[in-house]
Amino acid sequence: MFGRAVERLLPAGPPGPTVGLAGPGLPGTDADIVLVPADRRTGEPWRPPGDAIAVPLPAPVWAYLTGPAETSPTPVSGTLPAQVVRDDYPHPERPGHPFPPDHRTLRRTLARMPEVRRPWLRALYDRL
């Protein structure tokens, strides 16, 4: 989702860390950074096996990234009672274009990070 947008901003060079999805029901990944669901009640991130860096996402966002038909990071059995009205269908359509980053938001976020003093990140900041 973010790959093409980030590639346009970063300078050419050796490939950086890889990003993947991890969570309940997904096969293991050898990515360096994994996007995982955060528990809806506690906010605690799902713990991936191995030493990958886990980046928690809200459960609905994580579920959307894992597949259009999935809405919950935990399996549910049975059916809803007849009096319950479902409001989660139809799912919103996926965008038909690559993700465009908001340059003002990205620039403000980078400005607050101490790491922006590093030359490669400062060059990215200046290009924005």
Protein backbone atom coordinates (compact mmCIF):
# COMPACT_ATOMS: atom_id res chain seq x y z
CA MET A 1 0.00 0.00 0.00
CA PHE A 2 2.76 2.45 0.89
CA GLY A 3 5.60 0.93 -1.15
CA ARG A 4 5.28 2.96 -4.34
CA ALA A 5 4.73 6.23 -2.49
CA VAL A 6 7.76 5.71 -0.27
CA GLU A 7 9.96 4.58 -3.20
CA ARG A 8 9.31 7.90 -4.95
CA LEU A 9 10.51 9.83 -1.89
CA LEU A 10 13.58 7.81 -0.90
CA PRO A 11 16.91 8.11 -2.71
CA ALA A 12 18.13 5.19 -4.82
CA GLY A 13 20.29 2.72 -2.94
CA PRO A 14 20.34 -0.75 -1.46
CA PRO A 15 16.96 -2.21 -0.51
CA GLY A 16 15.80 -1.37 2.99
CA PRO A 17 13.87 -3.41 5.49
CA THR A 18 10.89 -5.41 4.27
CA VAL A 19 7.33 -5.00 5.58
CA GLY A 20 4.71 -7.73 5.82
CA LEU A 21 1.45 -8.63 7.50
CA ALA A 22 1.35 -10.93 10.51
CA GLY A 23 -1.42 -11.99 12.81
CA PRO A 24 -3.88 -14.71 13.73
CA GLY A 25 -4.59 -17.02 10.81
CA LEU A 26 -1.79 -15.72 8.59
CA PRO A 27 1.23 -17.79 7.59
CA GLY A 28 4.58 -16.72 9.00
CA THR A 29 6.56 -14.03 7.24
CA ASP A 30 10.27 -13.30 7.06
CA ALA A 31 9.71 -9.53 6.89
CA ASP A 32 11.82 -7.22 9.06
CA ILE A 33 8.77 -5.13 10.08
CA VAL A 34 5.31 -6.66 10.45
CA LEU A 35 1.92 -4.95 10.68
CA VAL A 36 -0.11 -6.68 13.40
CA PRO A 37 -3.60 -6.16 14.86
CA ALA A 38 -4.06 -4.42 18.19
CA ASP A 39 -6.54 -5.98 20.58
CA ARG A 40 -9.84 -4.10 20.41
CA ARG A 41 -10.29 -4.01 24.18
CA THR A 42 -6.79 -3.66 25.60
CA GLY A 43 -4.92 -2.05 22.70
CA GLU A 44 -2.09 -4.55 23.15
CA PRO A 45 -0.47 -5.58 19.84
CA TRP A 46 -0.48 -9.18 18.69
CA ARG A 47 2.98 -10.66 19.31
CA PRO A 48 4.59 -12.13 16.18
CA PRO A 49 6.97 -15.06 16.50
CA GLY A 50 10.61 -14.24 15.86
CA ASP A 51 12.42 -10.94 16.16
CA ALA A 52 10.51 -8.80 13.65
CA ILE A 53 9.51 -5.28 14.67
CA ALA A 54 5.75 -5.25 15.27
CA VAL A 55 3.75 -2.19 14.25
CA PRO A 56 0.23 -2.37 15.72
CA LEU A 57 -2.73 -1.27 13.63
CA PRO A 58 -6.35 -0.90 14.73
CA ALA A 59 -8.01 -4.29 14.22
CA PRO A 60 -10.42 -3.09 11.48
CA VAL A 61 -7.55 -1.56 9.48
CA TRP A 62 -5.46 -4.72 9.84
CA ALA A 63 -8.45 -6.86 8.81
CA TYR A 64 -9.00 -4.69 5.72
CA LEU A 65 -5.36 -5.16 4.68
CA THR A 66 -5.46 -8.94 5.15
CA GLY A 67 -8.46 -9.47 2.89
CA PRO A 68 -11.67 -7.78 1.79
CA ALA A 69 -13.93 -10.43 3.32
CA GLU A 70 -12.25 -10.48 6.75
CA THR A 71 -13.63 -8.13 9.41
CA SER A 72 -12.29 -9.57 12.65
CA PRO A 73 -8.80 -10.71 13.67
CA THR A 74 -10.30 -13.52 15.75
CA PRO A 75 -12.49 -16.30 14.36
CA VAL A 76 -16.14 -16.22 15.37
CA SER A 77 -18.46 -19.21 15.44
CA GLY A 78 -22.23 -19.36 15.29
CA THR A 79 -24.62 -16.78 13.89
CA LEU A 80 -26.00 -13.47 15.07
CA PRO A 81 -29.35 -13.40 16.83
CA ALA A 82 -32.30 -12.50 14.54
CA GLN A 83 -32.84 -9.11 16.22
CA VAL A 84 -29.28 -7.92 15.47
CA VAL A 85 -29.07 -5.66 12.43
CA ARG A 86 -25.76 -5.92 10.60
CA ASP A 87 -24.14 -2.68 9.54
CA ASP A 88 -20.75 -3.91 8.33
CA TYR A 89 -21.80 -4.85 4.78
CA PRO A 90 -21.23 -3.96 2.03
CA HIS A 91 -17.54 -3.29 2.53
CA PRO A 92 -16.16 -0.07 1.08
CA GLU A 93 -14.50 -0.50 -2.28
CA ARG A 94 -10.73 -0.56 -2.48
CA PRO A 95 -9.18 2.54 -4.03
CA GLY A 96 -8.43 2.34 -7.75
CA HIS A 97 -5.17 4.29 -7.52
CA PRO A 98 -1.89 4.07 -5.57
CA PHE A 99 -1.79 5.56 -2.10
CA PRO A 100 -0.81 9.26 -2.29
CA PRO A 101 0.91 10.52 0.87
CA ASP A 102 -0.15 13.86 2.30
CA HIS A 103 3.07 15.85 2.03
CA ARG A 104 2.12 18.45 4.67
CA THR A 105 1.33 15.76 7.25
CA LEU A 106 4.50 13.83 6.42
CA ARG A 107 6.62 16.97 6.63
CA ARG A 108 5.12 17.97 10.02
CA THR A 109 5.64 14.44 11.35
CA LEU A 110 9.27 14.35 10.20
CA ALA A 111 9.92 17.79 11.71
CA ARG A 112 9.03 16.45 15.18
CA MET A 113 11.41 13.48 14.91
CA PRO A 114 14.99 13.85 16.22
CA GLU A 115 16.11 11.42 13.49
CA VAL A 116 15.39 14.08 10.85
CA ARG A 117 18.91 15.38 11.51
CA ARG A 118 20.34 12.32 9.76
CA PRO A 119 21.49 13.32 6.24
CA TRP A 120 19.36 10.85 4.28
CA LEU A 121 16.18 11.74 6.20
CA ARG A 122 16.94 15.47 6.04
CA ALA A 123 17.30 15.16 2.23
CA LEU A 124 13.85 13.53 2.08
CA TYR A 125 12.43 16.26 4.31
CA ASP A 126 13.90 18.98 2.08
CA ARG A 127 12.41 17.37 -1.05
CA LEU A 128 8.93 17.57 0.46
